[in-house]
Amino acid sequence: MNDTTVQLMGKTYQIKCPESEVNALQRAAQYLEEKMRLIRETGILNLDRVAIITALNVVHQLLTLEQQKNQHAHAINKRLMELQSKVDNALSHNAQMELQPAE
C-alpha cells in the first residue's frame, strides 16, 4: 500500500492505496472535484453540504447505470435464449428429416 495524495476543494488528503490503483484513485478524485465544483457553483458554500449533495448525485448516477446495465443484460439473455431455441428447433427439424426413410 502506498500513501497517495489527492486534492479536493483545496484540501489535501493522504489515502492508502495499492500501487495498481493509484491512477484510478487520481481519476476518481478529479471526477469528484469536478462534480463538487459544479455543486459549489450553484451557490452552496458549506463544504460538508457540497460533499453530501455530490455523493448523493454520484451514487444516484451509479445506481441508475447499474439498473440500465441489468436491464440490458436481461434483454441480451432473453434474446440469446430465443436464438438458442431457434437453433435447437432447426437442428431438431433437420435431424427428423434425416431420419425419415427414403421413398
PDB file of N, CA and C in Angstrom:
ATOM      1  N   MET A   1       0.835  -1.182   0.000  1.00  0.00           N
ATOM      2  CA  MET A   1       0.000   0.000   0.000  1.00  0.00           C
ATOM      3  C   MET A   1       0.882   1.249   0.000  1.00  0.00           C
ATOM      4  N   ASN A   2       0.494   2.170  -0.849  1.00  0.00           N
ATOM      5  CA  ASN A   2       1.218   3.439  -0.932  1.00  0.00           C
ATOM      6  C   ASN A   2       0.343   4.557  -0.388  1.00  0.00           C
ATOM      7  N   ASP A   3       0.984   5.557   0.197  1.00  0.00           N
ATOM      8  CA  ASP A   3       0.264   6.774   0.537  1.00  0.00           C
ATOM      9  C   ASP A   3       0.173   7.607  -0.726  1.00  0.00           C
ATOM     10  N   THR A   4      -1.044   7.958  -1.080  1.00  0.00           N
ATOM     11  CA  THR A   4      -1.276   8.751  -2.278  1.00  0.00           C
ATOM     12  C   THR A   4      -1.960  10.040  -1.869  1.00  0.00           C
ATOM     13  N   THR A   5      -1.568  11.123  -2.481  1.00  0.00           N
ATOM     14  CA  THR A   5      -2.150  12.424  -2.170  1.00  0.00           C
ATOM     15  C   THR A   5      -3.181  12.791  -3.228  1.00  0.00           C
ATOM     16  N   VAL A   6      -4.362  13.207  -2.759  1.00  0.00           N
ATOM     17  CA  VAL A   6      -5.373  13.754  -3.663  1.00  0.00           C
ATOM     18  C   VAL A   6      -5.822  15.089  -3.093  1.00  0.00           C
ATOM     19  N   GLN A   7      -6.230  15.966  -3.989  1.00  0.00           N
ATOM     20  CA  GLN A   7      -6.735  17.262  -3.557  1.00  0.00           C
ATOM     21  C   GLN A   7      -8.189  17.395  -3.964  1.00  0.00           C
ATOM     22  N   LEU A   8      -8.993  17.825  -2.997  1.00  0.00           N
ATOM     23  CA  LEU A   8     -10.404  18.069  -3.238  1.00  0.00           C
ATOM     24  C   LEU A   8     -10.777  19.410  -2.624  1.00  0.00           C
ATOM     25  N   MET A   9     -11.268  20.291  -3.440  1.00  0.00           N
ATOM     26  CA  MET A   9     -11.733  21.600  -2.998  1.00  0.00           C
ATOM     27  C   MET A   9     -10.684  22.329  -2.160  1.00  0.00           C
ATOM     28  N   GLY A  10      -9.440  22.263  -2.619  1.00  0.00           N
ATOM     29  CA  GLY A  10      -8.369  22.985  -1.957  1.00  0.00           C
ATOM     30  C   GLY A  10      -7.780  22.302  -0.742  1.00  0.00           C
ATOM     31  N   LYS A  11      -8.285  21.126  -0.411  1.00  0.00           N
ATOM     32  CA  LYS A  11      -7.737  20.397   0.738  1.00  0.00           C
ATOM     33  C   LYS A  11      -7.002  19.168   0.234  1.00  0.00           C
ATOM     34  N   THR A  12      -5.923  18.832   0.943  1.00  0.00           N
ATOM     35  CA  THR A  12      -5.103  17.685   0.570  1.00  0.00           C
ATOM     36  C   THR A  12      -5.420  16.522   1.494  1.00  0.00           C
ATOM     37  N   TYR A  13      -5.563  15.353   0.883  1.00  0.00           N
ATOM     38  CA  TYR A  13      -5.869  14.137   1.639  1.00  0.00           C
ATOM     39  C   TYR A  13      -4.844  13.065   1.300  1.00  0.00           C
ATOM     40  N   GLN A  14      -4.350  12.390   2.339  1.00  0.00           N
ATOM     41  CA  GLN A  14      -3.453  11.248   2.168  1.00  0.00           C
ATOM     42  C   GLN A  14      -4.309   9.986   2.235  1.00  0.00           C
ATOM     43  N   ILE A  15      -4.216   9.165   1.207  1.00  0.00           N
ATOM     44  CA  ILE A  15      -5.023   7.952   1.138  1.00  0.00           C
ATOM     45  C   ILE A  15      -4.103   6.781   0.846  1.00  0.00           C
ATOM     46  N   LYS A  16      -4.276   5.707   1.608  1.00  0.00           N
ATOM     47  CA  LYS A  16      -3.519   4.480   1.343  1.00  0.00           C
ATOM     48  C   LYS A  16      -4.200   3.760   0.191  1.00  0.00           C
ATOM     49  N   CYS A  17      -3.384   3.357  -0.767  1.00  0.00           N
ATOM     50  CA  CYS A  17      -3.926   2.772  -1.983  1.00  0.00           C
ATOM     51  C   CYS A  17      -2.904   1.816  -2.581  1.00  0.00           C
ATOM     52  N   PRO A  18      -3.345   0.642  -3.073  1.00  0.00           N
ATOM     53  CA  PRO A  18      -2.402  -0.236  -3.768  1.00  0.00           C
ATOM     54  C   PRO A  18      -1.819   0.475  -4.988  1.00  0.00           C
ATOM     55  N   GLU A  19      -0.567   0.208  -5.267  1.00  0.00           N
ATOM     56  CA  GLU A  19       0.119   0.843  -6.399  1.00  0.00           C
ATOM     57  C   GLU A  19      -0.677   0.693  -7.692  1.00  0.00           C
ATOM     58  N   SER A  20      -1.297  -0.468  -7.884  1.00  0.00           N
ATOM     59  CA  SER A  20      -2.038  -0.736  -9.120  1.00  0.00           C
ATOM     60  C   SER A  20      -3.307   0.110  -9.244  1.00  0.00           C
ATOM     61  N   GLU A  21      -3.748   0.725  -8.147  1.00  0.00           N
ATOM     62  CA  GLU A  21      -4.988   1.503  -8.157  1.00  0.00           C
ATOM     63  C   GLU A  21      -4.767   3.015  -8.078  1.00  0.00           C
ATOM     64  N   VAL A  22      -3.519   3.443  -8.057  1.00  0.00           N
ATOM     65  CA  VAL A  22      -3.230   4.873  -7.888  1.00  0.00           C
ATOM     66  C   VAL A  22      -3.836   5.703  -9.017  1.00  0.00           C
ATOM     67  N   ASN A  23      -3.667   5.273 -10.257  1.00  0.00           N
ATOM     68  CA  ASN A  23      -4.222   6.043 -11.379  1.00  0.00           C
ATOM     69  C   ASN A  23      -5.739   6.127 -11.302  1.00  0.00           C
ATOM     70  N   ALA A  24      -6.383   5.031 -10.943  1.00  0.00           N
ATOM     71  CA  ALA A  24      -7.844   5.027 -10.820  1.00  0.00           C
ATOM     72  C   ALA A  24      -8.286   5.963  -9.696  1.00  0.00           C
ATOM     73  N   LEU A  25      -7.543   5.971  -8.596  1.00  0.00           N
ATOM     74  CA  LEU A  25      -7.857   6.874  -7.486  1.00  0.00           C
ATOM     75  C   LEU A  25      -7.712   8.326  -7.917  1.00  0.00           C
ATOM     76  N   GLN A  26      -6.653   8.639  -8.644  1.00  0.00           N
ATOM     77  CA  GLN A  26      -6.443  10.012  -9.117  1.00  0.00           C
ATOM     78  C   GLN A  26      -7.584  10.447 -10.053  1.00  0.00           C
ATOM     79  N   ARG A  27      -8.000   9.540 -10.954  1.00  0.00           N
ATOM     80  CA  ARG A  27      -9.113   9.862 -11.859  1.00  0.00           C
ATOM     81  C   ARG A  27     -10.404  10.065 -11.067  1.00  0.00           C
ATOM     82  N   ALA A  28     -10.623   9.238 -10.061  1.00  0.00           N
ATOM     83  CA  ALA A  28     -11.813   9.367  -9.226  1.00  0.00           C
ATOM     84  C   ALA A  28     -11.811  10.708  -8.491  1.00  0.00           C
ATOM     85  N   ALA A  29     -10.647  11.091  -7.983  1.00  0.00           N
ATOM     86  CA  ALA A  29     -10.536  12.368  -7.274  1.00  0.00           C
ATOM     87  C   ALA A  29     -10.792  13.538  -8.222  1.00  0.00           C
ATOM     88  N   GLN A  30     -10.283  13.457  -9.445  1.00  0.00           N
ATOM     89  CA  GLN A  30     -10.534  14.519 -10.424  1.00  0.00           C
ATOM     90  C   GLN A  30     -12.017  14.610 -10.768  1.00  0.00           C
ATOM     91  N   TYR A  31     -12.648  13.461 -10.944  1.00  0.00           N
ATOM     92  CA  TYR A  31     -14.077  13.419 -11.244  1.00  0.00           C
ATOM     93  C   TYR A  31     -14.879  14.033 -10.094  1.00  0.00           C
ATOM     94  N   LEU A  32     -14.538  13.624  -8.866  1.00  0.00           N
ATOM     95  CA  LEU A  32     -15.228  14.136  -7.692  1.00  0.00           C
ATOM     96  C   LEU A  32     -15.028  15.640  -7.549  1.00  0.00           C
ATOM     97  N   GLU A  33     -13.809  16.093  -7.781  1.00  0.00           N
ATOM     98  CA  GLU A  33     -13.507  17.533  -7.721  1.00  0.00           C
ATOM     99  C   GLU A  33     -14.381  18.310  -8.711  1.00  0.00           C
ATOM    100  N   GLU A  34     -14.487  17.796  -9.928  1.00  0.00           N
ATOM    101  CA  GLU A  34     -15.337  18.440 -10.950  1.00  0.00           C
ATOM    102  C   GLU A  34     -16.778  18.545 -10.484  1.00  0.00           C
ATOM    103  N   LYS A  35     -17.312  17.437  -9.997  1.00  0.00           N
ATOM    104  CA  LYS A  35     -18.709  17.402  -9.558  1.00  0.00           C
ATOM    105  C   LYS A  35     -18.939  18.316  -8.363  1.00  0.00           C
ATOM    106  N   MET A  36     -17.974  18.345  -7.445  1.00  0.00           N
ATOM    107  CA  MET A  36     -18.110  19.210  -6.273  1.00  0.00           C
ATOM    108  C   MET A  36     -18.075  20.687  -6.674  1.00  0.00           C
ATOM    109  N   ARG A  37     -17.234  21.011  -7.634  1.00  0.00           N
ATOM    110  CA  ARG A  37     -17.173  22.405  -8.093  1.00  0.00           C
ATOM    111  C   ARG A  37     -18.487  22.824  -8.750  1.00  0.00           C
ATOM    112  N   LEU A  38     -19.092  21.919  -9.508  1.00  0.00           N
ATOM    113  CA  LEU A  38     -20.385  22.221 -10.128  1.00  0.00           C
ATOM    114  C   LEU A  38     -21.456  22.492  -9.071  1.00  0.00           C
ATOM    115  N   ILE A  39     -21.452  21.701  -8.015  1.00  0.00           N
ATOM    116  CA  ILE A  39     -22.415  21.908  -6.925  1.00  0.00           C
ATOM    117  C   ILE A  39     -22.132  23.233  -6.229  1.00  0.00           C
ATOM    118  N   ARG A  40     -20.858  23.515  -5.989  1.00  0.00           N
ATOM    119  CA  ARG A  40     -20.492  24.769  -5.314  1.00  0.00           C
ATOM    120  C   ARG A  40     -20.912  25.981  -6.161  1.00  0.00           C
ATOM    121  N   GLU A  41     -20.847  25.850  -7.490  1.00  0.00           N
ATOM    122  CA  GLU A  41     -21.234  26.950  -8.378  1.00  0.00           C
ATOM    123  C   GLU A  41     -22.721  27.280  -8.287  1.00  0.00           C
ATOM    124  N   THR A  42     -23.523  26.364  -7.744  1.00  0.00           N
ATOM    125  CA  THR A  42     -24.953  26.653  -7.576  1.00  0.00           C
ATOM    126  C   THR A  42     -25.196  27.576  -6.394  1.00  0.00           C
ATOM    127  N   GLY A  43     -24.143  27.878  -5.630  1.00  0.00           N
ATOM    128  CA  GLY A  43     -24.274  28.809  -4.512  1.00  0.00           C
ATOM    129  C   GLY A  43     -24.129  28.154  -3.157  1.00  0.00           C
ATOM    130  N   ILE A  44     -23.942  26.855  -3.123  1.00  0.00           N
ATOM    131  CA  ILE A  44     -23.751  26.158  -1.850  1.00  0.00           C
ATOM    132  C   ILE A  44     -22.279  26.293  -1.472  1.00  0.00           C
ATOM    133  N   LEU A  45     -22.015  26.903  -0.341  1.00  0.00           N
ATOM    134  CA  LEU A  45     -20.632  27.170   0.052  1.00  0.00           C
ATOM    135  C   LEU A  45     -20.130  26.226   1.134  1.00  0.00           C
ATOM    136  N   ASN A  46     -21.026  25.661   1.953  1.00  0.00           N
ATOM    137  CA  ASN A  46     -20.633  24.764   3.025  1.00  0.00           C
ATOM    138  C   ASN A  46     -20.055  23.492   2.425  1.00  0.00           C
ATOM    139  N   LEU A  47     -18.777  23.208   2.720  1.00  0.00           N
ATOM    140  CA  LEU A  47     -18.072  22.078   2.116  1.00  0.00           C
ATOM    141  C   LEU A  47     -18.736  20.742   2.448  1.00  0.00           C
ATOM    142  N   ASP A  48     -19.217  20.585   3.687  1.00  0.00           N
ATOM    143  CA  ASP A  48     -19.895  19.333   4.052  1.00  0.00           C
ATOM    144  C   ASP A  48     -21.145  19.134   3.200  1.00  0.00           C
ATOM    145  N   ARG A  49     -21.901  20.182   3.021  1.00  0.00           N
ATOM    146  CA  ARG A  49     -23.127  20.113   2.222  1.00  0.00           C
ATOM    147  C   ARG A  49     -22.791  19.813   0.754  1.00  0.00           C
ATOM    148  N   VAL A  50     -21.759  20.457   0.242  1.00  0.00           N
ATOM    149  CA  VAL A  50     -21.311  20.201  -1.134  1.00  0.00           C
ATOM    150  C   VAL A  50     -20.926  18.732  -1.276  1.00  0.00           C
ATOM    151  N   ALA A  51     -20.185  18.201  -0.304  1.00  0.00           N
ATOM    152  CA  ALA A  51     -19.744  16.808  -0.360  1.00  0.00           C
ATOM    153  C   ALA A  51     -20.930  15.850  -0.313  1.00  0.00           C
ATOM    154  N   ILE A  52     -21.898  16.119   0.558  1.00  0.00           N
ATOM    155  CA  ILE A  52     -23.058  15.226   0.685  1.00  0.00           C
ATOM    156  C   ILE A  52     -23.909  15.259  -0.575  1.00  0.00           C
ATOM    157  N   ILE A  53     -24.190  16.423  -1.101  1.00  0.00           N
ATOM    158  CA  ILE A  53     -25.001  16.527  -2.312  1.00  0.00           C
ATOM    159  C   ILE A  53     -24.277  15.868  -3.490  1.00  0.00           C
ATOM    160  N   THR A  54     -22.977  16.087  -3.579  1.00  0.00           N
ATOM    161  CA  THR A  54     -22.193  15.457  -4.645  1.00  0.00           C
ATOM    162  C   THR A  54     -22.221  13.944  -4.510  1.00  0.00           C
ATOM    163  N   ALA A  55     -22.033  13.445  -3.302  1.00  0.00           N
ATOM    164  CA  ALA A  55     -22.066  11.997  -3.071  1.00  0.00           C
ATOM    165  C   ALA A  55     -23.416  11.423  -3.470  1.00  0.00           C
ATOM    166  N   LEU A  56     -24.484  12.085  -3.088  1.00  0.00           N
ATOM    167  CA  LEU A  56     -25.823  11.604  -3.459  1.00  0.00           C
ATOM    168  C   LEU A  56     -26.005  11.596  -4.973  1.00  0.00           C
ATOM    169  N   ASN A  57     -25.552  12.635  -5.639  1.00  0.00           N
ATOM    170  CA  ASN A  57     -25.662  12.683  -7.099  1.00  0.00           C
ATOM    171  C   ASN A  57     -24.859  11.570  -7.769  1.00  0.00           C
ATOM    172  N   VAL A  58     -23.637  11.349  -7.300  1.00  0.00           N
ATOM    173  CA  VAL A  58     -22.780  10.316  -7.891  1.00  0.00           C
ATOM    174  C   VAL A  58     -23.363   8.927  -7.632  1.00  0.00           C
ATOM    175  N   VAL A  59     -23.850   8.678  -6.418  1.00  0.00           N
ATOM    176  CA  VAL A  59     -24.448   7.382  -6.106  1.00  0.00           C
ATOM    177  C   VAL A  59     -25.715   7.168  -6.939  1.00  0.00           C
ATOM    178  N   HIS A  60     -26.520   8.219  -7.087  1.00  0.00           N
ATOM    179  CA  HIS A  60     -27.724   8.102  -7.931  1.00  0.00           C
ATOM    180  C   HIS A  60     -27.337   7.742  -9.363  1.00  0.00           C
ATOM    181  N   GLN A  61     -26.324   8.401  -9.882  1.00  0.00           N
ATOM    182  CA  GLN A  61     -25.839   8.113 -11.233  1.00  0.00           C
ATOM    183  C   GLN A  61     -25.355   6.662 -11.327  1.00  0.00           C
ATOM    184  N   LEU A  62     -24.608   6.214 -10.338  1.00  0.00           N
ATOM    185  CA  LEU A  62     -24.105   4.843 -10.315  1.00  0.00           C
ATOM    186  C   LEU A  62     -25.254   3.833 -10.294  1.00  0.00           C
ATOM    187  N   LEU A  63     -26.242   4.058  -9.428  1.00  0.00           N
ATOM    188  CA  LEU A  63     -27.372   3.135  -9.326  1.00  0.00           C
ATOM    189  C   LEU A  63     -28.207   3.122 -10.603  1.00  0.00           C
ATOM    190  N   THR A  64     -28.365   4.270 -11.230  1.00  0.00           N
ATOM    191  CA  THR A  64     -29.097   4.339 -12.497  1.00  0.00           C
ATOM    192  C   THR A  64     -28.369   3.556 -13.573  1.00  0.00           C
ATOM    193  N   LEU A  65     -27.054   3.728 -13.672  1.00  0.00           N
ATOM    194  CA  LEU A  65     -26.265   2.985 -14.651  1.00  0.00           C
ATOM    195  C   LEU A  65     -26.297   1.484 -14.375  1.00  0.00           C
ATOM    196  N   GLU A  66     -26.267   1.114 -13.099  1.00  0.00           N
ATOM    197  CA  GLU A  66     -26.330  -0.303 -12.733  1.00  0.00           C
ATOM    198  C   GLU A  66     -27.678  -0.906 -13.138  1.00  0.00           C
ATOM    199  N   GLN A  67     -28.744  -0.149 -12.917  1.00  0.00           N
ATOM    200  CA  GLN A  67     -30.071  -0.625 -13.306  1.00  0.00           C
ATOM    201  C   GLN A  67     -30.162  -0.771 -14.827  1.00  0.00           C
ATOM    202  N   GLN A  68     -29.632   0.186 -15.568  1.00  0.00           N
ATOM    203  CA  GLN A  68     -29.628   0.097 -17.030  1.00  0.00           C
ATOM    204  C   GLN A  68     -28.807  -1.094 -17.502  1.00  0.00           C
ATOM    205  N   LYS A  69     -27.663  -1.322 -16.863  1.00  0.00           N
ATOM    206  CA  LYS A  69     -26.823  -2.469 -17.213  1.00  0.00           C
ATOM    207  C   LYS A  69     -27.580  -3.768 -16.988  1.00  0.00           C
ATOM    208  N   ASN A  70     -28.272  -3.863 -15.856  1.00  0.00           N
ATOM    209  CA  ASN A  70     -29.045  -5.066 -15.557  1.00  0.00           C
ATOM    210  C   ASN A  70     -30.173  -5.272 -16.561  1.00  0.00           C
ATOM    211  N   GLN A  71     -30.828  -4.187 -16.965  1.00  0.00           N
ATOM    212  CA  GLN A  71     -31.897  -4.288 -17.962  1.00  0.00           C
ATOM    213  C   GLN A  71     -31.333  -4.749 -19.303  1.00  0.00           C
ATOM    214  N   HIS A  72     -30.191  -4.211 -19.685  1.00  0.00           N
ATOM    215  CA  HIS A  72     -29.557  -4.622 -20.941  1.00  0.00           C
ATOM    216  C   HIS A  72     -29.130  -6.082 -20.875  1.00  0.00           C
ATOM    217  N   ALA A  73     -28.555  -6.486 -19.751  1.00  0.00           N
ATOM    218  CA  ALA A  73     -28.128  -7.879 -19.592  1.00  0.00           C
ATOM    219  C   ALA A  73     -29.333  -8.814 -19.665  1.00  0.00           C
ATOM    220  N   HIS A  74     -30.441  -8.416 -19.061  1.00  0.00           N
ATOM    221  CA  HIS A  74     -31.662  -9.226 -19.115  1.00  0.00           C
ATOM    222  C   HIS A  74     -32.153  -9.339 -20.559  1.00  0.00           C
ATOM    223  N   ALA A  75     -32.169  -8.225 -21.290  1.00  0.00           N
ATOM    224  CA  ALA A  75     -32.619  -8.234 -22.689  1.00  0.00           C
ATOM    225  C   ALA A  75     -31.700  -9.113 -23.548  1.00  0.00           C
ATOM    226  N   ILE A  76     -30.405  -9.028 -23.309  1.00  0.00           N
ATOM    227  CA  ILE A  76     -29.446  -9.842 -24.071  1.00  0.00           C
ATOM    228  C   ILE A  76     -29.662 -11.327 -23.766  1.00  0.00           C
ATOM    229  N   ASN A  77     -29.822 -11.657 -22.477  1.00  0.00           N
ATOM    230  CA  ASN A  77     -30.052 -13.055 -22.105  1.00  0.00           C
ATOM    231  C   ASN A  77     -31.344 -13.586 -22.711  1.00  0.00           C
ATOM    232  N   LYS A  78     -32.385 -12.764 -22.725  1.00  0.00           N
ATOM    233  CA  LYS A  78     -33.657 -13.172 -23.324  1.00  0.00           C
ATOM    234  C   LYS A  78     -33.470 -13.446 -24.811  1.00  0.00           C
ATOM    235  N   ARG A  79     -32.763 -12.563 -25.488  1.00  0.00           N
ATOM    236  CA  ARG A  79     -32.525 -12.729 -26.926  1.00  0.00           C
ATOM    237  C   ARG A  79     -31.676 -13.973 -27.192  1.00  0.00           C
ATOM    238  N   LEU A  80     -30.668 -14.207 -26.369  1.00  0.00           N
ATOM    239  CA  LEU A  80     -29.840 -15.403 -26.522  1.00  0.00           C
ATOM    240  C   LEU A  80     -30.661 -16.676 -26.344  1.00  0.00           C
ATOM    241  N   MET A  81     -31.577 -16.684 -25.377  1.00  0.00           N
ATOM    242  CA  MET A  81     -32.429 -17.857 -25.169  1.00  0.00           C
ATOM    243  C   MET A  81     -33.349 -18.065 -26.376  1.00  0.00           C
ATOM    244  N   GLU A  82     -33.865 -16.974 -26.945  1.00  0.00           N
ATOM    245  CA  GLU A  82     -34.706 -17.082 -28.146  1.00  0.00           C
ATOM    246  C   GLU A  82     -33.913 -17.656 -29.314  1.00  0.00           C
ATOM    247  N   LEU A  83     -32.688 -17.171 -29.495  1.00  0.00           N
ATOM    248  CA  LEU A  83     -31.838 -17.671 -30.574  1.00  0.00           C
ATOM    249  C   LEU A  83     -31.462 -19.134 -30.348  1.00  0.00           C
ATOM    250  N   GLN A  84     -31.164 -19.488 -29.098  1.00  0.00           N
ATOM    251  CA  GLN A  84     -30.836 -20.878 -28.782  1.00  0.00           C
ATOM    252  C   GLN A  84     -32.021 -21.786 -29.092  1.00  0.00           C
ATOM    253  N   SER A  85     -33.209 -21.336 -28.779  1.00  0.00           N
ATOM    254  CA  SER A  85     -34.423 -22.111 -29.062  1.00  0.00           C
ATOM    255  C   SER A  85     -34.596 -22.297 -30.570  1.00  0.00           C
ATOM    256  N   LYS A  86     -34.349 -21.254 -31.352  1.00  0.00           N
ATOM    257  CA  LYS A  86     -34.455 -21.356 -32.814  1.00  0.00           C
ATOM    258  C   LYS A  86     -33.424 -22.340 -33.363  1.00  0.00           C
ATOM    259  N   VAL A  87     -32.200 -22.265 -32.845  1.00  0.00           N
ATOM    260  CA  VAL A  87     -31.147 -23.189 -33.288  1.00  0.00           C
ATOM    261  C   VAL A  87     -31.534 -24.615 -32.928  1.00  0.00           C
ATOM    262  N   ASP A  88     -31.993 -24.828 -31.701  1.00  0.00           N
ATOM    263  CA  ASP A  88     -32.417 -26.163 -31.270  1.00  0.00           C
ATOM    264  C   ASP A  88     -33.544 -26.693 -32.146  1.00  0.00           C
ATOM    265  N   ASN A  89     -34.522 -25.846 -32.447  1.00  0.00           N
ATOM    266  CA  ASN A  89     -35.643 -26.256 -33.306  1.00  0.00           C
ATOM    267  C   ASN A  89     -35.164 -26.603 -34.710  1.00  0.00           C
ATOM    268  N   ALA A  90     -34.259 -25.798 -35.248  1.00  0.00           N
ATOM    269  CA  ALA A  90     -33.742 -26.052 -36.590  1.00  0.00           C
ATOM    270  C   ALA A  90     -32.952 -27.354 -36.614  1.00  0.00           C
ATOM    271  N   LEU A  91     -32.117 -27.597 -35.613  1.00  0.00           N
ATOM    272  CA  LEU A  91     -31.343 -28.831 -35.554  1.00  0.00           C
ATOM    273  C   LEU A  91     -32.259 -30.041 -35.368  1.00  0.00           C
ATOM    274  N   SER A  92     -33.262 -29.902 -34.553  1.00  0.00           N
ATOM    275  CA  SER A  92     -34.223 -30.985 -34.324  1.00  0.00           C
ATOM    276  C   SER A  92     -34.985 -31.299 -35.605  1.00  0.00           C
ATOM    277  N   HIS A  93     -35.418 -30.263 -36.304  1.00  0.00           N
ATOM    278  CA  HIS A  93     -36.145 -30.442 -37.562  1.00  0.00           C
ATOM    279  C   HIS A  93     -35.246 -31.116 -38.603  1.00  0.00           C
ATOM    280  N   ASN A  94     -33.985 -30.697 -38.668  1.00  0.00           N
ATOM    281  CA  ASN A  94     -33.016 -31.273 -39.597  1.00  0.00           C
ATOM    282  C   ASN A  94     -32.775 -32.750 -39.268  1.00  0.00           C
ATOM    283  N   ALA A  95     -32.657 -33.063 -37.976  1.00  0.00           N
ATOM    284  CA  ALA A  95     -32.436 -34.449 -37.556  1.00  0.00           C
ATOM    285  C   ALA A  95     -33.632 -35.317 -37.918  1.00  0.00           C
ATOM    286  N   GLN A  96     -34.846 -34.781 -37.788  1.00  0.00           N
ATOM    287  CA  GLN A  96     -36.054 -35.533 -38.144  1.00  0.00           C
ATOM    288  C   GLN A  96     -36.094 -35.803 -39.638  1.00  0.00           C
ATOM    289  N   MET A  97     -35.663 -34.835 -40.433  1.00  0.00           N
ATOM    290  CA  MET A  97     -35.656 -35.011 -41.886  1.00  0.00           C
ATOM    291  C   MET A  97     -34.665 -36.105 -42.289  1.00  0.00           C
ATOM    292  N   GLU A  98     -33.540 -36.180 -41.605  1.00  0.00           N
ATOM    293  CA  GLU A  98     -32.525 -37.176 -41.910  1.00  0.00           C
ATOM    294  C   GLU A  98     -32.985 -38.580 -41.529  1.00  0.00           C
ATOM    295  N   LEU A  99     -33.843 -38.688 -40.522  1.00  0.00           N
ATOM    296  CA  LEU A  99     -34.294 -39.997 -40.035  1.00  0.00           C
ATOM    297  C   LEU A  99     -35.460 -40.568 -40.852  1.00  0.00           C
ATOM    298  N   GLN A 100     -36.100 -39.766 -41.661  1.00  0.00           N
ATOM    299  CA  GLN A 100     -37.245 -40.256 -42.446  1.00  0.00           C
ATOM    300  C   GLN A 100     -36.732 -41.179 -43.542  1.00  0.00           C
ATOM    301  N   PRO A 101     -37.437 -42.304 -43.751  1.00  0.00           N
ATOM    302  CA  PRO A 101     -36.995 -43.238 -44.781  1.00  0.00           C
ATOM    303  C   PRO A 101     -37.137 -42.631 -46.174  1.00  0.00           C
ATOM    304  N   ALA A 102     -36.236 -43.012 -47.042  1.00  0.00           N
ATOM    305  CA  ALA A 102     -36.281 -42.547 -48.426  1.00  0.00           C
ATOM    306  C   ALA A 102     -37.422 -43.258 -49.142  1.00  0.00           C
ATOM    307  N   GLU A 103     -38.079 -42.550 -50.024  1.00  0.00           N
ATOM    308  CA  GLU A 103     -39.199 -43.152 -50.773  1.00  0.00           C
ATOM    309  C   GLU A 103     -38.760 -43.681 -52.085  1.00  0.00           C
TER     310      GLU A 103
END
